[in-house]
N, C-alpha and C. Protein backbone atom coordinates (compact mmCIF):
# COMPACT_ATOMS: atom_id res chain seq x y z
N MET A 1 34.16 16.11 45.24
CA MET A 1 35.51 16.26 44.74
C MET A 1 35.48 16.59 43.25
N VAL A 2 36.23 17.56 42.87
CA VAL A 2 36.28 17.98 41.48
C VAL A 2 37.32 17.13 40.75
N GLU A 3 36.91 16.65 39.59
CA GLU A 3 37.83 15.83 38.79
C GLU A 3 38.94 16.72 38.23
N LYS A 4 40.18 16.23 38.31
CA LYS A 4 41.32 17.04 37.89
C LYS A 4 41.34 17.30 36.39
N ARG A 5 41.03 16.26 35.62
CA ARG A 5 41.09 16.40 34.16
C ARG A 5 39.81 15.86 33.53
N PRO A 6 38.73 16.64 33.56
CA PRO A 6 37.46 16.15 33.00
C PRO A 6 37.51 15.99 31.49
N TRP A 7 38.43 16.67 30.84
CA TRP A 7 38.53 16.59 29.39
C TRP A 7 39.00 15.21 28.94
N ARG A 8 39.73 14.48 29.79
CA ARG A 8 40.20 13.14 29.42
C ARG A 8 39.03 12.19 29.20
N LYS A 9 38.04 12.32 30.05
CA LYS A 9 36.86 11.46 29.92
C LYS A 9 36.13 11.75 28.61
N GLN A 10 36.03 13.02 28.26
CA GLN A 10 35.38 13.41 27.01
C GLN A 10 36.18 12.94 25.79
N ILE A 11 37.49 13.08 25.87
CA ILE A 11 38.33 12.62 24.75
C ILE A 11 38.19 11.11 24.56
N ARG A 12 38.22 10.37 25.67
CA ARG A 12 38.06 8.92 25.59
C ARG A 12 36.70 8.56 24.99
N ARG A 13 35.66 9.25 25.42
CA ARG A 13 34.32 8.99 24.90
C ARG A 13 34.26 9.22 23.40
N TRP A 14 34.80 10.32 22.94
CA TRP A 14 34.77 10.62 21.51
C TRP A 14 35.64 9.65 20.71
N LEU A 15 36.74 9.19 21.29
CA LEU A 15 37.56 8.19 20.60
C LEU A 15 36.82 6.86 20.48
N VAL A 16 36.14 6.46 21.53
CA VAL A 16 35.35 5.22 21.49
C VAL A 16 34.28 5.32 20.42
N ILE A 17 33.59 6.45 20.39
CA ILE A 17 32.54 6.64 19.39
C ILE A 17 33.13 6.64 17.98
N ALA A 18 34.24 7.33 17.77
CA ALA A 18 34.85 7.40 16.44
C ALA A 18 35.33 6.03 15.97
N VAL A 19 35.99 5.29 16.86
CA VAL A 19 36.48 3.96 16.48
C VAL A 19 35.31 3.01 16.20
N GLY A 20 34.30 3.04 17.07
CA GLY A 20 33.15 2.17 16.88
C GLY A 20 32.41 2.44 15.59
N PHE A 21 32.10 3.71 15.33
CA PHE A 21 31.41 4.05 14.09
C PHE A 21 32.33 3.94 12.87
N GLY A 22 33.63 4.01 13.07
CA GLY A 22 34.56 3.80 11.96
C GLY A 22 34.65 2.34 11.55
N LEU A 23 34.59 1.44 12.53
CA LEU A 23 34.67 0.02 12.22
C LEU A 23 33.36 -0.56 11.71
N LEU A 24 32.24 0.01 12.11
CA LEU A 24 30.95 -0.55 11.74
C LEU A 24 30.75 -0.65 10.23
N PRO A 25 30.96 0.41 9.45
CA PRO A 25 30.79 0.27 8.00
C PRO A 25 31.81 -0.68 7.37
N VAL A 26 33.01 -0.73 7.93
CA VAL A 26 34.01 -1.67 7.42
C VAL A 26 33.51 -3.10 7.60
N GLY A 27 32.98 -3.39 8.78
CA GLY A 27 32.44 -4.72 9.03
C GLY A 27 31.27 -5.06 8.14
N LEU A 28 30.39 -4.09 7.92
CA LEU A 28 29.23 -4.33 7.05
C LEU A 28 29.66 -4.56 5.61
N VAL A 29 30.66 -3.84 5.15
CA VAL A 29 31.18 -4.06 3.80
C VAL A 29 31.81 -5.45 3.70
N LEU A 30 32.55 -5.84 4.72
CA LEU A 30 33.16 -7.17 4.72
C LEU A 30 32.10 -8.27 4.75
N LEU A 31 30.97 -8.00 5.41
CA LEU A 31 29.88 -8.97 5.39
C LEU A 31 29.30 -9.12 3.99
N ALA A 32 29.22 -8.00 3.27
CA ALA A 32 28.63 -8.01 1.93
C ALA A 32 29.57 -8.61 0.88
N LEU A 33 30.86 -8.60 1.15
CA LEU A 33 31.83 -9.14 0.21
C LEU A 33 32.36 -10.47 0.74
N PRO A 34 31.80 -11.59 0.28
CA PRO A 34 32.18 -12.88 0.86
C PRO A 34 33.62 -13.30 0.60
N MET A 35 34.28 -12.68 -0.39
CA MET A 35 35.68 -13.07 -0.65
C MET A 35 36.64 -12.49 0.37
N LEU A 36 36.17 -11.52 1.17
CA LEU A 36 37.01 -10.94 2.22
C LEU A 36 36.50 -11.42 3.58
N PRO A 37 37.31 -12.18 4.31
CA PRO A 37 36.83 -12.73 5.58
C PRO A 37 36.85 -11.70 6.72
N GLY A 38 36.16 -12.02 7.79
CA GLY A 38 36.24 -11.22 8.99
C GLY A 38 35.12 -10.23 9.20
N GLY A 39 34.14 -10.21 8.33
CA GLY A 39 33.06 -9.23 8.47
C GLY A 39 32.28 -9.38 9.76
N THR A 40 32.02 -10.62 10.13
CA THR A 40 31.27 -10.86 11.36
C THR A 40 32.06 -10.39 12.57
N LEU A 41 33.33 -10.71 12.61
CA LEU A 41 34.16 -10.31 13.75
C LEU A 41 34.30 -8.80 13.86
N VAL A 42 34.51 -8.14 12.74
CA VAL A 42 34.67 -6.68 12.77
C VAL A 42 33.37 -6.00 13.17
N THR A 43 32.24 -6.50 12.66
CA THR A 43 30.94 -5.94 13.01
C THR A 43 30.65 -6.13 14.49
N LEU A 44 30.90 -7.34 15.02
CA LEU A 44 30.67 -7.59 16.43
C LEU A 44 31.62 -6.76 17.31
N ALA A 45 32.86 -6.60 16.86
CA ALA A 45 33.81 -5.78 17.61
C ALA A 45 33.36 -4.33 17.66
N SER A 46 32.87 -3.82 16.54
CA SER A 46 32.41 -2.43 16.53
C SER A 46 31.19 -2.25 17.42
N LEU A 47 30.28 -3.23 17.43
CA LEU A 47 29.13 -3.14 18.32
C LEU A 47 29.56 -3.22 19.79
N ALA A 48 30.55 -4.05 20.08
CA ALA A 48 31.05 -4.15 21.45
C ALA A 48 31.67 -2.82 21.90
N ILE A 49 32.37 -2.16 21.01
CA ILE A 49 32.96 -0.86 21.33
C ILE A 49 31.87 0.18 21.55
N LEU A 50 30.88 0.20 20.64
CA LEU A 50 29.80 1.17 20.76
C LEU A 50 28.91 0.89 21.96
N ALA A 51 28.85 -0.36 22.41
CA ALA A 51 28.03 -0.72 23.57
C ALA A 51 28.52 -0.05 24.85
N ASN A 52 29.76 0.40 24.86
CA ASN A 52 30.27 1.14 26.01
C ASN A 52 29.59 2.49 26.19
N GLU A 53 29.07 3.04 25.09
CA GLU A 53 28.50 4.38 25.13
C GLU A 53 27.01 4.43 24.80
N PHE A 54 26.49 3.45 24.06
CA PHE A 54 25.12 3.51 23.57
C PHE A 54 24.32 2.29 23.99
N SER A 55 23.14 2.52 24.53
CA SER A 55 22.29 1.41 24.97
C SER A 55 21.74 0.62 23.79
N TRP A 56 21.48 1.28 22.64
CA TRP A 56 20.96 0.56 21.49
C TRP A 56 21.98 -0.46 20.99
N ALA A 57 23.27 -0.11 21.03
CA ALA A 57 24.31 -1.04 20.60
C ALA A 57 24.43 -2.20 21.59
N ARG A 58 24.29 -1.90 22.88
CA ARG A 58 24.34 -2.93 23.91
C ARG A 58 23.19 -3.93 23.74
N SER A 59 21.97 -3.43 23.49
CA SER A 59 20.83 -4.34 23.33
C SER A 59 20.95 -5.14 22.04
N LEU A 60 21.44 -4.52 20.97
CA LEU A 60 21.64 -5.25 19.72
C LEU A 60 22.70 -6.33 19.89
N LEU A 61 23.77 -6.01 20.57
CA LEU A 61 24.83 -6.99 20.82
C LEU A 61 24.31 -8.14 21.67
N ASN A 62 23.51 -7.85 22.70
CA ASN A 62 22.93 -8.91 23.52
C ASN A 62 21.97 -9.78 22.72
N ARG A 63 21.21 -9.18 21.82
CA ARG A 63 20.30 -9.95 20.97
C ARG A 63 21.10 -10.88 20.05
N ILE A 64 22.18 -10.39 19.47
CA ILE A 64 23.02 -11.21 18.59
C ILE A 64 23.67 -12.34 19.39
N LYS A 65 24.12 -12.04 20.61
CA LYS A 65 24.70 -13.09 21.46
C LYS A 65 23.68 -14.19 21.72
N GLY A 66 22.43 -13.80 21.98
CA GLY A 66 21.36 -14.79 22.19
C GLY A 66 21.14 -15.65 20.97
N TRP A 67 21.13 -15.03 19.79
CA TRP A 67 20.98 -15.81 18.55
C TRP A 67 22.14 -16.77 18.36
N LEU A 68 23.35 -16.30 18.66
CA LEU A 68 24.52 -17.17 18.50
C LEU A 68 24.50 -18.33 19.49
N ARG A 69 24.06 -18.08 20.72
CA ARG A 69 23.94 -19.17 21.70
C ARG A 69 22.93 -20.20 21.22
N LYS A 70 21.79 -19.72 20.74
CA LYS A 70 20.75 -20.62 20.24
C LYS A 70 21.26 -21.42 19.05
N LEU A 71 21.98 -20.76 18.15
CA LEU A 71 22.55 -21.44 16.99
C LEU A 71 23.57 -22.48 17.44
N GLY A 72 24.40 -22.14 18.42
CA GLY A 72 25.38 -23.09 18.93
C GLY A 72 24.73 -24.32 19.54
N ARG A 73 23.65 -24.10 20.28
CA ARG A 73 22.93 -25.25 20.86
C ARG A 73 22.32 -26.12 19.78
N THR A 74 21.79 -25.48 18.74
CA THR A 74 21.21 -26.24 17.63
C THR A 74 22.28 -27.04 16.91
N MET A 75 23.43 -26.43 16.70
CA MET A 75 24.51 -27.10 15.98
C MET A 75 25.10 -28.26 16.78
N THR A 76 25.10 -28.15 18.11
CA THR A 76 25.66 -29.22 18.93
C THR A 76 24.62 -30.26 19.31
N GLY A 77 23.36 -30.03 18.92
CA GLY A 77 22.32 -31.01 19.20
C GLY A 77 21.69 -30.88 20.56
N GLN A 78 21.93 -29.79 21.25
CA GLN A 78 21.30 -29.58 22.54
C GLN A 78 19.95 -28.91 22.36
N THR A 79 19.08 -29.11 23.35
CA THR A 79 17.81 -28.40 23.32
C THR A 79 18.06 -26.95 23.71
N VAL A 80 17.06 -26.13 23.55
CA VAL A 80 17.19 -24.72 23.88
C VAL A 80 17.50 -24.55 25.36
N GLU A 81 16.95 -25.42 26.19
CA GLU A 81 17.22 -25.33 27.62
C GLU A 81 18.61 -25.84 27.95
N GLY A 82 19.25 -26.54 27.02
CA GLY A 82 20.61 -27.04 27.25
C GLY A 82 20.65 -28.29 28.10
N LYS A 83 19.57 -29.11 28.07
CA LYS A 83 19.50 -30.28 28.93
C LYS A 83 19.67 -31.58 28.18
N GLY A 84 20.38 -31.56 27.10
CA GLY A 84 20.64 -32.80 26.39
C GLY A 84 20.38 -32.68 24.92
N PRO A 85 20.47 -33.80 24.21
CA PRO A 85 20.29 -33.76 22.77
C PRO A 85 18.84 -33.47 22.39
N ALA A 86 18.68 -32.85 21.24
CA ALA A 86 17.35 -32.54 20.76
C ALA A 86 16.64 -33.83 20.35
N LYS A 87 15.34 -33.88 20.60
CA LYS A 87 14.54 -35.06 20.25
C LYS A 87 13.92 -34.84 18.89
N ASP A 88 13.98 -35.88 18.06
CA ASP A 88 13.39 -35.78 16.71
C ASP A 88 11.96 -36.24 16.71
């Protein structure tokens, strides 16, 4: 079956790429300027948008998620396996 409007898919793809790459430098600048909040959220949002089109962004986002999970477990006192408090 032939797609009726193949150009819509291309337009959507280019919009996703433009928005993702447009937000990425904004997020990085916000990370570098501590007086302006939201750098982490904007950077993660841009990676999430780019992960729809690029495997490198998807793998980087998954790596960051893993680091954040590990950090969360450390902050809450759980072991890496998540089976209780960390032993000193």
